[in-house]
């Protein structure tokens, strides 16, 4: 059974499931990761974990402006001094820099490890926000 089958309306479970699949699939947006992220976003479009993943997906597709938009939304409600917020800020600055330079040639592999590492360690309610 998957989180999508167990409780398709539990936004926390769906976000954690999407994040787990992303990690298991070596930080790649496979079809099952996309489906999980999209379902989690459909259920709760304000979940920081899901917004972070949507941002990573947009960035990996060469859409840094959209990535920055998702990451800014993900920052809402997070502690500005927290590592997750900081990781998102790094991604936002990098994405905005790409938009300004119109140089969208960087691959997902060269994407700042900071945002991925900080995003995937986000656990709501554990003080890591």
C-alpha atoms as a PDB file:
ATOM      1  CA  UNK A   1       0.000   0.000   0.000  1.00  0.00           C
ATOM      2  CA  UNK A   2       1.084   3.564  -0.655  1.00  0.00           C
ATOM      3  CA  UNK A   3       0.222   6.795   1.138  1.00  0.00           C
ATOM      4  CA  UNK A   4      -2.017   7.599  -1.815  1.00  0.00           C
ATOM      5  CA  UNK A   5      -4.027   4.472  -1.034  1.00  0.00           C
ATOM      6  CA  UNK A   6      -3.906   4.605   2.772  1.00  0.00           C
ATOM      7  CA  UNK A   7      -5.191   8.147   3.257  1.00  0.00           C
ATOM      8  CA  UNK A   8      -5.342  10.220   0.059  1.00  0.00           C
ATOM      9  CA  UNK A   9      -6.447  13.350   1.969  1.00  0.00           C
ATOM     10  CA  UNK A  10      -3.751  13.367   4.696  1.00  0.00           C
ATOM     11  CA  UNK A  11      -1.534  16.226   3.532  1.00  0.00           C
ATOM     12  CA  UNK A  12       1.274  15.504   6.013  1.00  0.00           C
ATOM     13  CA  UNK A  13       1.425  11.824   5.037  1.00  0.00           C
ATOM     14  CA  UNK A  14       1.341  12.674   1.333  1.00  0.00           C
ATOM     15  CA  UNK A  15       4.122  15.251   1.695  1.00  0.00           C
ATOM     16  CA  UNK A  16       6.323  12.803   3.594  1.00  0.00           C
ATOM     17  CA  UNK A  17       5.579  10.087   1.053  1.00  0.00           C
ATOM     18  CA  UNK A  18       6.514  12.355  -1.865  1.00  0.00           C
ATOM     19  CA  UNK A  19       9.718  13.407  -0.121  1.00  0.00           C
ATOM     20  CA  UNK A  20      10.612   9.796   0.670  1.00  0.00           C
ATOM     21  CA  UNK A  21      10.082   8.714  -2.933  1.00  0.00           C
ATOM     22  CA  UNK A  22      12.221  11.626  -4.111  1.00  0.00           C
ATOM     23  CA  UNK A  23      15.060  10.452  -1.864  1.00  0.00           C
ATOM     24  CA  UNK A  24      14.666   6.766  -2.752  1.00  0.00           C
ATOM     25  CA  UNK A  25      14.697   7.673  -6.447  1.00  0.00           C
ATOM     26  CA  UNK A  26      18.062   9.423  -5.992  1.00  0.00           C
ATOM     27  CA  UNK A  27      16.621  12.960  -5.950  1.00  0.00           C
ATOM     28  CA  UNK A  28      15.079  12.547  -9.381  1.00  0.00           C
ATOM     29  CA  UNK A  29      11.568  13.371 -10.463  1.00  0.00           C
ATOM     30  CA  UNK A  30      10.479   9.965 -11.619  1.00  0.00           C
ATOM     31  CA  UNK A  31       6.877   9.386 -12.629  1.00  0.00           C
ATOM     32  CA  UNK A  32       5.951   8.085  -9.171  1.00  0.00           C
ATOM     33  CA  UNK A  33       7.575  11.095  -7.501  1.00  0.00           C
ATOM     34  CA  UNK A  34       5.698  13.479  -9.803  1.00  0.00           C
ATOM     35  CA  UNK A  35       2.399  11.748  -9.066  1.00  0.00           C
ATOM     36  CA  UNK A  36       3.007  11.860  -5.311  1.00  0.00           C
ATOM     37  CA  UNK A  37       4.092  15.517  -5.356  1.00  0.00           C
ATOM     38  CA  UNK A  38       1.143  16.535  -7.521  1.00  0.00           C
ATOM     39  CA  UNK A  39      -1.346  14.713  -5.279  1.00  0.00           C
ATOM     40  CA  UNK A  40       0.186  16.230  -2.127  1.00  0.00           C
ATOM     41  CA  UNK A  41       0.047  19.683  -3.735  1.00  0.00           C
ATOM     42  CA  UNK A  42      -3.571  19.128  -4.749  1.00  0.00           C
ATOM     43  CA  UNK A  43      -4.491  18.293  -1.144  1.00  0.00           C
ATOM     44  CA  UNK A  44      -2.438  21.090   0.480  1.00  0.00           C
ATOM     45  CA  UNK A  45      -0.864  23.732  -1.750  1.00  0.00           C
ATOM     46  CA  UNK A  46       0.682  25.481   1.277  1.00  0.00           C
ATOM     47  CA  UNK A  47       2.744  22.551   2.609  1.00  0.00           C
ATOM     48  CA  UNK A  48       6.381  23.696   2.840  1.00  0.00           C
ATOM     49  CA  UNK A  49       7.810  20.287   1.979  1.00  0.00           C
ATOM     50  CA  UNK A  50       5.653  19.961  -1.123  1.00  0.00           C
ATOM     51  CA  UNK A  51       6.354  23.547  -2.198  1.00  0.00           C
ATOM     52  CA  UNK A  52      10.057  22.876  -1.800  1.00  0.00           C
ATOM     53  CA  UNK A  53       9.796  19.800  -3.985  1.00  0.00           C
ATOM     54  CA  UNK A  54       7.751  21.688  -6.580  1.00  0.00           C
ATOM     55  CA  UNK A  55      10.496  24.311  -6.622  1.00  0.00           C
ATOM     56  CA  UNK A  56      13.219  21.711  -7.119  1.00  0.00           C
ATOM     57  CA  UNK A  57      11.199  20.162  -9.935  1.00  0.00           C
ATOM     58  CA  UNK A  58      10.725  23.532 -11.665  1.00  0.00           C
ATOM     59  CA  UNK A  59      14.408  24.364 -11.269  1.00  0.00           C
ATOM     60  CA  UNK A  60      15.443  21.001 -12.690  1.00  0.00           C
ATOM     61  CA  UNK A  61      13.250  21.712 -15.736  1.00  0.00           C
ATOM     62  CA  UNK A  62      15.055  25.010 -16.348  1.00  0.00           C
ATOM     63  CA  UNK A  63      12.302  27.199 -14.872  1.00  0.00           C
ATOM     64  CA  UNK A  64      14.100  29.168 -12.147  1.00  0.00           C
ATOM     65  CA  UNK A  65      11.465  31.917 -11.883  1.00  0.00           C
ATOM     66  CA  UNK A  66       8.771  29.354 -11.107  1.00  0.00           C
ATOM     67  CA  UNK A  67      11.126  27.583  -8.688  1.00  0.00           C
ATOM     68  CA  UNK A  68      11.726  30.829  -6.782  1.00  0.00           C
ATOM     69  CA  UNK A  69       7.975  31.407  -6.581  1.00  0.00           C
ATOM     70  CA  UNK A  70       7.403  27.988  -4.999  1.00  0.00           C
ATOM     71  CA  UNK A  71      10.311  28.450  -2.592  1.00  0.00           C
ATOM     72  CA  UNK A  72       9.067  31.867  -1.467  1.00  0.00           C
ATOM     73  CA  UNK A  73       5.690  30.311  -0.671  1.00  0.00           C
ATOM     74  CA  UNK A  74       7.464  27.479   1.169  1.00  0.00           C
ATOM     75  CA  UNK A  75       9.180  30.029   3.419  1.00  0.00           C
ATOM     76  CA  UNK A  76       5.860  31.322   4.758  1.00  0.00           C
ATOM     77  CA  UNK A  77       5.470  30.242   8.353  1.00  0.00           C
ATOM     78  CA  UNK A  78       9.034  28.977   8.707  1.00  0.00           C
ATOM     79  CA  UNK A  79      11.525  30.373  11.215  1.00  0.00           C
ATOM     80  CA  UNK A  80      13.675  32.896   9.277  1.00  0.00           C
ATOM     81  CA  UNK A  81      16.648  31.769  11.372  1.00  0.00           C
ATOM     82  CA  UNK A  82      16.034  28.073  10.644  1.00  0.00           C
ATOM     83  CA  UNK A  83      18.051  25.900   8.291  1.00  0.00           C
ATOM     84  CA  UNK A  84      15.081  25.102   6.043  1.00  0.00           C
ATOM     85  CA  UNK A  85      14.337  28.786   5.523  1.00  0.00           C
ATOM     86  CA  UNK A  86      18.024  29.408   4.825  1.00  0.00           C
ATOM     87  CA  UNK A  87      18.217  26.571   2.338  1.00  0.00           C
ATOM     88  CA  UNK A  88      15.186  27.878   0.518  1.00  0.00           C
ATOM     89  CA  UNK A  89      16.716  31.361   0.482  1.00  0.00           C
ATOM     90  CA  UNK A  90      19.879  29.982  -1.137  1.00  0.00           C
ATOM     91  CA  UNK A  91      17.742  28.391  -3.849  1.00  0.00           C
ATOM     92  CA  UNK A  92      15.735  31.587  -4.358  1.00  0.00           C
ATOM     93  CA  UNK A  93      18.880  33.676  -4.754  1.00  0.00           C
ATOM     94  CA  UNK A  94      20.416  31.179  -7.177  1.00  0.00           C
ATOM     95  CA  UNK A  95      17.202  30.969  -9.213  1.00  0.00           C
ATOM     96  CA  UNK A  96      16.816  34.751  -9.349  1.00  0.00           C
ATOM     97  CA  UNK A  97      20.433  35.084 -10.404  1.00  0.00           C
ATOM     98  CA  UNK A  98      19.761  32.703 -13.293  1.00  0.00           C
ATOM     99  CA  UNK A  99      16.675  34.642 -14.303  1.00  0.00           C
ATOM    100  CA  UNK A 100      18.628  37.899 -14.309  1.00  0.00           C
ATOM    101  CA  UNK A 101      21.508  36.435 -16.281  1.00  0.00           C
ATOM    102  CA  UNK A 102      19.170  34.522 -18.625  1.00  0.00           C
ATOM    103  CA  UNK A 103      21.636  31.671 -18.318  1.00  0.00           C
ATOM    104  CA  UNK A 104      19.470  28.624 -17.770  1.00  0.00           C
ATOM    105  CA  UNK A 105      22.185  26.164 -18.748  1.00  0.00           C
ATOM    106  CA  UNK A 106      23.040  24.858 -15.280  1.00  0.00           C
ATOM    107  CA  UNK A 107      21.879  21.316 -14.742  1.00  0.00           C
ATOM    108  CA  UNK A 108      20.070  19.944 -11.722  1.00  0.00           C
ATOM    109  CA  UNK A 109      23.314  18.166 -10.750  1.00  0.00           C
ATOM    110  CA  UNK A 110      25.075  21.486 -10.191  1.00  0.00           C
ATOM    111  CA  UNK A 111      22.131  22.805  -8.198  1.00  0.00           C
ATOM    112  CA  UNK A 112      23.088  23.981  -4.747  1.00  0.00           C
ATOM    113  CA  UNK A 113      23.198  20.997  -2.414  1.00  0.00           C
ATOM    114  CA  UNK A 114      22.152  23.324   0.415  1.00  0.00           C
ATOM    115  CA  UNK A 115      18.517  23.566  -0.569  1.00  0.00           C
ATOM    116  CA  UNK A 116      18.083  19.859  -1.260  1.00  0.00           C
ATOM    117  CA  UNK A 117      19.753  18.851   1.995  1.00  0.00           C
ATOM    118  CA  UNK A 118      17.831  21.368   4.048  1.00  0.00           C
ATOM    119  CA  UNK A 119      14.515  20.711   2.333  1.00  0.00           C
ATOM    120  CA  UNK A 120      14.621  16.981   2.752  1.00  0.00           C
ATOM    121  CA  UNK A 121      15.494  17.270   6.434  1.00  0.00           C
ATOM    122  CA  UNK A 122      12.374  19.348   7.098  1.00  0.00           C
ATOM    123  CA  UNK A 123      10.120  17.692   9.628  1.00  0.00           C
ATOM    124  CA  UNK A 124       7.141  19.809  10.699  1.00  0.00           C
ATOM    125  CA  UNK A 125       6.760  20.024  14.441  1.00  0.00           C
ATOM    126  CA  UNK A 126      10.309  18.937  15.271  1.00  0.00           C
ATOM    127  CA  UNK A 127      11.830  22.396  15.557  1.00  0.00           C
ATOM    128  CA  UNK A 128      13.687  22.078  12.263  1.00  0.00           C
ATOM    129  CA  UNK A 129      11.616  24.800  10.686  1.00  0.00           C
END
